[in-house]
Amino acid sequence: MVAETPDFDAACDQAGVGEGARDGTFRTLTEGGMSFGVPRWSSEEGAQKALENTRRKSFERNAALIELAAALWRKRQAWLRSVSHLILSRLSVR
């Protein structure tokens, strides 16, 4: 099941609400009891498209965080070796 929200998008366009702020605005309004659009059954193709749009938007919003996590993961082994080296050098001094 997916929801059609053309009325919400049109209202955002008229109010000048950008793409990045729409999810938060939608959440706030729906939590307050206001609804937009009508739920409907979707075809398998439509559901896949909705999922792909969700993945794309999530990646766009979190791209910097994902890239940072990937960079830190790539540096993990070097960092672990440097920490191990520090611990072993301190143990050998004692």
C-alpha atoms as a PDB file:
ATOM      1  CA  MET A   1       0.000   0.000   0.000  1.00  0.00           C
ATOM      2  CA  VAL A   2       1.279   3.450  -0.824  1.00  0.00           C
ATOM      3  CA  ALA A   3      -0.139   6.912  -0.275  1.00  0.00           C
ATOM      4  CA  GLU A   4      -0.679   9.455  -2.974  1.00  0.00           C
ATOM      5  CA  THR A   5       0.278  12.902  -1.720  1.00  0.00           C
ATOM      6  CA  PRO A   6      -0.146  15.254  -4.661  1.00  0.00           C
ATOM      7  CA  ASP A   7      -2.169  17.694  -2.551  1.00  0.00           C
ATOM      8  CA  PHE A   8       0.642  17.949  -0.004  1.00  0.00           C
ATOM      9  CA  ASP A   9       3.306  18.472  -2.666  1.00  0.00           C
ATOM     10  CA  ALA A  10       1.204  21.148  -4.337  1.00  0.00           C
ATOM     11  CA  ALA A  11       0.697  22.911  -0.999  1.00  0.00           C
ATOM     12  CA  CYS A  12       4.453  22.776  -0.324  1.00  0.00           C
ATOM     13  CA  ASP A  13       5.187  24.205  -3.756  1.00  0.00           C
ATOM     14  CA  GLN A  14       2.785  27.082  -3.150  1.00  0.00           C
ATOM     15  CA  ALA A  15       4.197  27.731   0.345  1.00  0.00           C
ATOM     16  CA  GLY A  16       7.791  27.506  -0.853  1.00  0.00           C
ATOM     17  CA  VAL A  17       8.640  24.495   1.346  1.00  0.00           C
ATOM     18  CA  GLY A  18      11.749  22.810  -0.083  1.00  0.00           C
ATOM     19  CA  GLU A  19      12.213  19.083  -0.685  1.00  0.00           C
ATOM     20  CA  GLY A  20      14.475  18.723   2.357  1.00  0.00           C
ATOM     21  CA  ALA A  21      11.894  20.126   4.774  1.00  0.00           C
ATOM     22  CA  ARG A  22       8.860  18.287   3.431  1.00  0.00           C
ATOM     23  CA  ASP A  23       9.276  15.023   5.346  1.00  0.00           C
ATOM     24  CA  GLY A  24       9.501  16.823   8.689  1.00  0.00           C
ATOM     25  CA  THR A  25       6.603  19.100   7.811  1.00  0.00           C
ATOM     26  CA  PHE A  26       4.491  16.134   6.697  1.00  0.00           C
ATOM     27  CA  ARG A  27       5.296  14.238   9.908  1.00  0.00           C
ATOM     28  CA  THR A  28       4.403  17.231  12.089  1.00  0.00           C
ATOM     29  CA  LEU A  29       1.114  17.809  10.309  1.00  0.00           C
ATOM     30  CA  THR A  30       0.052  14.150  10.289  1.00  0.00           C
ATOM     31  CA  GLU A  31       0.935  13.762  13.981  1.00  0.00           C
ATOM     32  CA  GLY A  32      -1.370  16.719  14.554  1.00  0.00           C
ATOM     33  CA  GLY A  33      -4.226  14.884  12.821  1.00  0.00           C
ATOM     34  CA  MET A  34      -4.029  16.463   9.360  1.00  0.00           C
ATOM     35  CA  SER A  35      -3.904  13.997   6.477  1.00  0.00           C
ATOM     36  CA  PHE A  36      -2.974  14.395   2.844  1.00  0.00           C
ATOM     37  CA  GLY A  37      -3.732  12.093  -0.019  1.00  0.00           C
ATOM     38  CA  VAL A  38      -5.443   8.742   0.042  1.00  0.00           C
ATOM     39  CA  PRO A  39      -3.859   5.334   0.696  1.00  0.00           C
ATOM     40  CA  ARG A  40      -4.189   2.965  -2.233  1.00  0.00           C
ATOM     41  CA  TRP A  41      -3.010  -0.460  -3.272  1.00  0.00           C
ATOM     42  CA  SER A  42      -0.033  -0.324  -5.578  1.00  0.00           C
ATOM     43  CA  SER A  43       1.265  -2.649  -8.233  1.00  0.00           C
ATOM     44  CA  GLU A  44       4.526  -4.456  -7.599  1.00  0.00           C
ATOM     45  CA  GLU A  45       6.234  -2.030  -9.993  1.00  0.00           C
ATOM     46  CA  GLY A  46       4.761   0.959  -8.143  1.00  0.00           C
ATOM     47  CA  ALA A  47       5.876  -0.431  -4.782  1.00  0.00           C
ATOM     48  CA  GLN A  48       9.419  -0.929  -6.111  1.00  0.00           C
ATOM     49  CA  LYS A  49       9.456   2.649  -7.370  1.00  0.00           C
ATOM     50  CA  ALA A  50       8.265   3.933  -3.973  1.00  0.00           C
ATOM     51  CA  LEU A  51      11.012   1.948  -2.220  1.00  0.00           C
ATOM     52  CA  GLU A  52      13.651   3.237  -4.625  1.00  0.00           C
ATOM     53  CA  ASN A  53      12.513   6.820  -4.039  1.00  0.00           C
ATOM     54  CA  THR A  54      12.735   6.270  -0.280  1.00  0.00           C
ATOM     55  CA  ARG A  55      16.254   4.815  -0.585  1.00  0.00           C
ATOM     56  CA  ARG A  56      17.380   7.679  -2.823  1.00  0.00           C
ATOM     57  CA  LYS A  57      16.013  10.370  -0.502  1.00  0.00           C
ATOM     58  CA  SER A  58      17.551   8.655   2.525  1.00  0.00           C
ATOM     59  CA  PHE A  59      20.927   8.498   0.807  1.00  0.00           C
ATOM     60  CA  GLU A  60      20.709  12.133  -0.282  1.00  0.00           C
ATOM     61  CA  ARG A  61      19.901  13.263   3.270  1.00  0.00           C
ATOM     62  CA  ASN A  62      22.585  11.102   4.879  1.00  0.00           C
ATOM     63  CA  ALA A  63      25.293  11.031   2.181  1.00  0.00           C
ATOM     64  CA  ALA A  64      27.884  12.928   4.247  1.00  0.00           C
ATOM     65  CA  LEU A  65      27.341  10.679   7.272  1.00  0.00           C
ATOM     66  CA  ILE A  66      27.561   7.527   5.136  1.00  0.00           C
ATOM     67  CA  GLU A  67      30.781   8.749   3.515  1.00  0.00           C
ATOM     68  CA  LEU A  68      32.280   9.580   6.918  1.00  0.00           C
ATOM     69  CA  ALA A  69      31.402   6.129   8.269  1.00  0.00           C
ATOM     70  CA  ALA A  70      32.939   4.471   5.205  1.00  0.00           C
ATOM     71  CA  ALA A  71      36.142   6.535   5.551  1.00  0.00           C
ATOM     72  CA  LEU A  72      36.415   5.656   9.232  1.00  0.00           C
ATOM     73  CA  TRP A  73      35.863   1.985   8.437  1.00  0.00           C
ATOM     74  CA  ARG A  74      38.663   2.067   5.858  1.00  0.00           C
ATOM     75  CA  LYS A  75      41.010   3.635   8.459  1.00  0.00           C
ATOM     76  CA  ARG A  76      40.020   1.133  11.149  1.00  0.00           C
ATOM     77  CA  GLN A  77      42.878  -1.340  10.646  1.00  0.00           C
ATOM     78  CA  ALA A  78      45.533   1.392  10.624  1.00  0.00           C
ATOM     79  CA  TRP A  79      44.025   2.916  13.750  1.00  0.00           C
ATOM     80  CA  LEU A  80      43.932  -0.454  15.533  1.00  0.00           C
ATOM     81  CA  ARG A  81      47.587  -1.077  14.639  1.00  0.00           C
ATOM     82  CA  SER A  82      48.609   2.347  15.957  1.00  0.00           C
ATOM     83  CA  VAL A  83      46.707   1.818  19.210  1.00  0.00           C
ATOM     84  CA  SER A  84      48.229  -1.648  19.604  1.00  0.00           C
ATOM     85  CA  HIS A  85      51.681  -0.194  18.963  1.00  0.00           C
ATOM     86  CA  LEU A  86      51.147   2.464  21.651  1.00  0.00           C
ATOM     87  CA  ILE A  87      49.981  -0.097  24.187  1.00  0.00           C
ATOM     88  CA  LEU A  88      52.893  -2.443  23.476  1.00  0.00           C
ATOM     89  CA  SER A  89      55.438   0.391  23.646  1.00  0.00           C
ATOM     90  CA  ARG A  90      54.084   1.515  27.023  1.00  0.00           C
ATOM     91  CA  LEU A  91      54.196  -2.026  28.340  1.00  0.00           C
ATOM     92  CA  SER A  92      57.812  -2.458  27.256  1.00  0.00           C
ATOM     93  CA  VAL A  93      58.865   0.802  29.007  1.00  0.00           C
ATOM     94  CA  ARG A  94      57.687  -0.474  32.382  1.00  0.00           C
END
